[in-house]
Amino acid sequence: MEASGLPFFRPIGRARGRVAFGAPIPATLAAEHELADIVLNETWPVWRVREALERELPTGWLLLDVHDVWLGGPPLAGQVAAADYRIDLGETVAPAVVAPAVAAAARTLLAAEALPRERAKAGSVVRYDLRPLLIDVHVSQPGPPLQIRARTRFHPVLGTGRPEEVVAALGEAAGCALVIGSMVRERLVLADELD
């Protein structure tokens, strides 16, 4: 982005321009259609910003859209309410596990009032309820590989619904361990899109 020539806003004491992604991305997670706030010192037309960015995109990256947003508006990170994931189950999944069993497990999760889970955090075990963080889960392709799509919530108090926890809960509901082959965060969902 620095090579693009855009007039980035640089807070005092910082050599680099301010770019803020909508949500953190774990190193092990591939991402598509990510959103980022880029703050400029000057007003440029959208077409000029697009051209400057497209000239310097890393190999394999594609700029989908550029929006001019009000500087006084809420930061992007505060607007992110959910994320959509595409999860391919690995080939090590037991052959007895078929799409109908996983689809039935998905319906069970969505119908549940609570989905108590535990996860390790800072050397201790944290108990939480996955259900309020799970908006949707379903089998999108029977495979192979079996593909699951999930939408999980980003909540300021409850935390973030992690897709690997959704897969673990699916496996428990289906009566077997499911193995993730690959996982992609397809897009971030803003609060005004959840209405």
Protein backbone atom coordinates (compact mmCIF):
# COMPACT_ATOMS: atom_id res chain seq x y z
CA MET A 1 0.00 0.00 0.00
CA GLU A 2 2.88 2.34 0.73
CA ALA A 3 4.09 1.91 -2.87
CA SER A 4 0.66 2.99 -4.20
CA GLY A 5 1.43 6.68 -3.68
CA LEU A 6 -1.81 7.25 -1.78
CA PRO A 7 -1.66 10.17 0.68
CA PHE A 8 -2.06 8.05 3.82
CA PHE A 9 -2.89 9.67 7.11
CA ARG A 10 0.07 9.05 9.41
CA PRO A 11 -0.51 9.64 13.12
CA ILE A 12 2.29 11.52 14.85
CA GLY A 13 5.16 9.17 15.57
CA ARG A 14 4.14 6.56 12.99
CA ALA A 15 6.01 6.08 9.75
CA ARG A 16 3.30 3.99 8.10
CA GLY A 17 -0.16 4.91 6.95
CA ARG A 18 -3.17 3.81 8.95
CA VAL A 19 -4.88 0.69 7.61
CA ALA A 20 -7.29 -1.25 9.84
CA PHE A 21 -8.82 -4.56 8.81
CA GLY A 22 -12.39 -5.31 9.82
CA ALA A 23 -11.45 -8.26 12.03
CA PRO A 24 -8.27 -10.12 12.96
CA ILE A 25 -7.35 -13.04 10.72
CA PRO A 26 -5.61 -16.03 12.30
CA ALA A 27 -2.50 -17.04 10.34
CA THR A 28 -4.01 -20.47 9.63
CA LEU A 29 -7.17 -19.06 8.07
CA ALA A 30 -7.50 -18.13 4.40
CA ALA A 31 -9.65 -15.08 3.73
CA GLU A 32 -11.69 -13.71 0.84
CA HIS A 33 -13.64 -10.45 0.49
CA GLU A 34 -11.97 -8.81 3.48
CA LEU A 35 -12.79 -5.25 4.46
CA ALA A 36 -10.31 -2.58 5.54
CA ASP A 37 -10.40 1.07 6.58
CA ILE A 38 -7.76 3.17 4.82
CA VAL A 39 -7.52 6.75 6.01
CA LEU A 40 -6.17 9.38 3.59
CA ASN A 41 -5.02 12.97 4.16
CA GLU A 42 -6.63 14.16 0.96
CA THR A 43 -9.95 13.54 -0.75
CA TRP A 44 -9.37 11.47 -3.88
CA PRO A 45 -12.05 10.20 -6.24
CA VAL A 46 -12.79 6.50 -5.80
CA TRP A 47 -11.52 5.66 -9.31
CA ARG A 48 -8.12 7.21 -8.54
CA VAL A 49 -7.78 5.31 -5.24
CA ARG A 50 -8.76 2.10 -7.04
CA GLU A 51 -6.13 2.63 -9.76
CA ALA A 52 -3.40 3.40 -7.21
CA LEU A 53 -4.18 0.27 -5.19
CA GLU A 54 -4.60 -2.05 -8.19
CA ARG A 55 -1.11 -1.16 -9.48
CA GLU A 56 0.46 -2.48 -6.27
CA LEU A 57 -1.68 -5.48 -5.32
CA PRO A 58 0.27 -8.56 -4.25
CA THR A 59 0.14 -11.56 -6.59
CA GLY A 60 -3.12 -13.43 -6.15
CA TRP A 61 -4.96 -10.46 -4.60
CA LEU A 62 -7.93 -8.80 -6.23
CA LEU A 63 -9.44 -5.45 -5.28
CA LEU A 64 -13.20 -5.88 -5.38
CA ASP A 65 -14.50 -2.48 -4.41
CA VAL A 66 -13.61 0.90 -2.92
CA HIS A 67 -16.08 2.99 -0.91
CA ASP A 68 -15.85 6.59 0.20
CA VAL A 69 -17.04 6.65 3.81
CA TRP A 70 -17.66 9.48 6.22
CA LEU A 71 -14.59 10.07 8.39
CA GLY A 72 -16.79 10.76 11.42
CA GLY A 73 -18.58 7.43 11.08
CA PRO A 74 -17.97 4.42 13.32
CA PRO A 75 -14.78 2.46 12.68
CA LEU A 76 -15.14 -0.61 10.51
CA ALA A 77 -14.18 -3.03 13.30
CA GLY A 78 -17.14 -1.82 15.37
CA GLN A 79 -19.52 -2.51 12.49
CA VAL A 80 -18.49 -6.14 11.92
CA ALA A 81 -21.22 -8.36 13.35
CA ALA A 82 -20.54 -11.78 11.81
CA ALA A 83 -18.47 -13.76 9.34
CA ASP A 84 -19.25 -16.41 6.74
CA TYR A 85 -17.00 -19.48 6.55
CA ARG A 86 -16.54 -22.24 3.98
CA ILE A 87 -15.18 -25.40 5.57
CA ASP A 88 -14.09 -28.49 3.66
CA LEU A 89 -13.87 -31.59 5.80
CA GLY A 90 -10.71 -33.65 5.37
CA GLU A 91 -10.59 -37.03 3.72
CA THR A 92 -9.84 -38.65 7.07
CA VAL A 93 -13.50 -38.35 8.01
CA ALA A 94 -14.89 -41.84 8.65
CA PRO A 95 -16.64 -43.16 5.53
CA ALA A 96 -19.79 -43.78 7.60
CA VAL A 97 -20.20 -40.02 8.03
CA VAL A 98 -22.23 -38.81 5.10
CA ALA A 99 -23.79 -35.50 4.19
CA PRO A 100 -27.26 -36.40 5.58
CA ALA A 101 -25.82 -37.15 9.04
CA VAL A 102 -23.89 -33.88 9.13
CA ALA A 103 -26.93 -31.99 7.77
CA ALA A 104 -29.05 -33.49 10.56
CA ALA A 105 -26.37 -32.48 13.09
CA ALA A 106 -26.49 -28.91 11.71
CA ARG A 107 -30.25 -28.80 12.20
CA THR A 108 -29.77 -30.09 15.75
CA LEU A 109 -27.30 -27.32 16.55
CA LEU A 110 -29.60 -24.62 15.16
CA ALA A 111 -32.58 -26.00 17.10
CA ALA A 112 -30.66 -26.21 20.39
CA GLU A 113 -31.31 -23.64 23.10
CA ALA A 114 -27.71 -23.84 24.29
CA LEU A 115 -24.45 -25.37 23.06
CA PRO A 116 -22.13 -25.48 26.09
CA ARG A 117 -18.46 -25.57 25.05
CA GLU A 118 -15.05 -25.29 26.65
CA ARG A 119 -11.85 -23.84 25.21
CA ALA A 120 -8.39 -23.21 26.56
CA LYS A 121 -7.51 -19.58 27.16
CA ALA A 122 -4.43 -18.24 28.91
CA GLY A 123 -3.66 -21.52 30.65
CA SER A 124 -7.19 -22.12 31.93
CA VAL A 125 -10.44 -23.51 30.62
CA VAL A 126 -13.21 -21.10 29.68
CA ARG A 127 -16.80 -22.34 29.52
CA TYR A 128 -19.14 -20.58 27.14
CA ASP A 129 -22.32 -21.07 25.10
CA LEU A 130 -21.70 -21.36 21.36
CA ARG A 131 -25.41 -21.11 20.47
CA PRO A 132 -25.83 -17.31 20.62
CA LEU A 133 -22.71 -17.02 18.46
CA LEU A 134 -23.97 -19.44 15.78
CA ILE A 135 -26.26 -17.80 13.24
CA ASP A 136 -26.33 -20.54 10.58
CA VAL A 137 -24.64 -23.79 9.62
CA HIS A 138 -25.48 -26.17 6.78
CA VAL A 139 -23.99 -28.66 4.34
CA SER A 140 -23.37 -26.80 1.09
CA GLN A 141 -21.84 -29.72 -0.89
CA PRO A 142 -22.12 -33.42 -0.05
CA GLY A 143 -18.57 -33.95 -1.33
CA PRO A 144 -16.12 -35.27 -1.54
CA PRO A 145 -14.96 -33.28 0.22
CA LEU A 146 -18.00 -32.59 2.33
CA GLN A 147 -18.38 -28.81 2.51
CA ILE A 148 -20.02 -26.87 5.32
CA ARG A 149 -20.94 -23.21 5.39
CA ALA A 150 -21.31 -21.42 8.70
CA ARG A 151 -22.09 -17.89 9.80
CA THR A 152 -20.89 -16.95 13.26
CA ARG A 153 -21.45 -13.80 15.28
CA PHE A 154 -18.86 -11.31 16.53
CA HIS A 155 -20.19 -10.11 19.89
CA PRO A 156 -18.53 -7.46 22.09
CA VAL A 157 -19.31 -9.36 25.31
CA LEU A 158 -19.76 -13.01 24.31
CA GLY A 159 -16.80 -13.09 21.91
CA THR A 160 -16.55 -14.57 18.45
CA GLY A 161 -18.05 -17.80 17.19
CA ARG A 162 -15.09 -19.82 15.99
CA PRO A 163 -15.68 -22.03 12.97
CA GLU A 164 -13.52 -24.84 14.36
CA GLU A 165 -15.80 -24.94 17.42
CA VAL A 166 -18.81 -25.19 15.13
CA VAL A 167 -17.20 -28.19 13.39
CA ALA A 168 -16.40 -29.80 16.76
CA ALA A 169 -20.03 -29.31 17.90
CA LEU A 170 -21.26 -30.74 14.58
CA GLY A 171 -19.08 -33.80 15.07
CA GLU A 172 -20.42 -34.33 18.58
CA ALA A 173 -24.00 -34.01 17.34
CA ALA A 174 -23.25 -36.44 14.46
CA GLY A 175 -21.52 -38.85 16.86
CA CYS A 176 -18.04 -38.70 15.30
CA ALA A 177 -14.92 -36.57 15.08
CA LEU A 178 -14.88 -34.33 12.02
CA VAL A 179 -11.53 -33.23 10.62
CA ILE A 180 -11.12 -29.85 8.93
CA GLY A 181 -9.32 -30.10 5.59
CA SER A 182 -9.46 -26.39 4.77
CA MET A 183 -11.24 -23.34 6.05
CA VAL A 184 -11.87 -19.96 4.41
CA ARG A 185 -13.44 -16.85 5.87
CA GLU A 186 -15.53 -15.89 2.84
CA ARG A 187 -16.64 -12.48 4.04
CA LEU A 188 -17.30 -10.24 6.98
CA VAL A 189 -20.92 -9.29 7.61
CA LEU A 190 -21.71 -5.79 8.85
CA ALA A 191 -24.40 -5.13 11.48
CA ASP A 192 -26.74 -3.44 9.01
CA GLU A 193 -26.69 -6.58 6.84
CA LEU A 194 -28.05 -8.78 9.65
CA ASP A 195 -31.43 -7.04 9.87
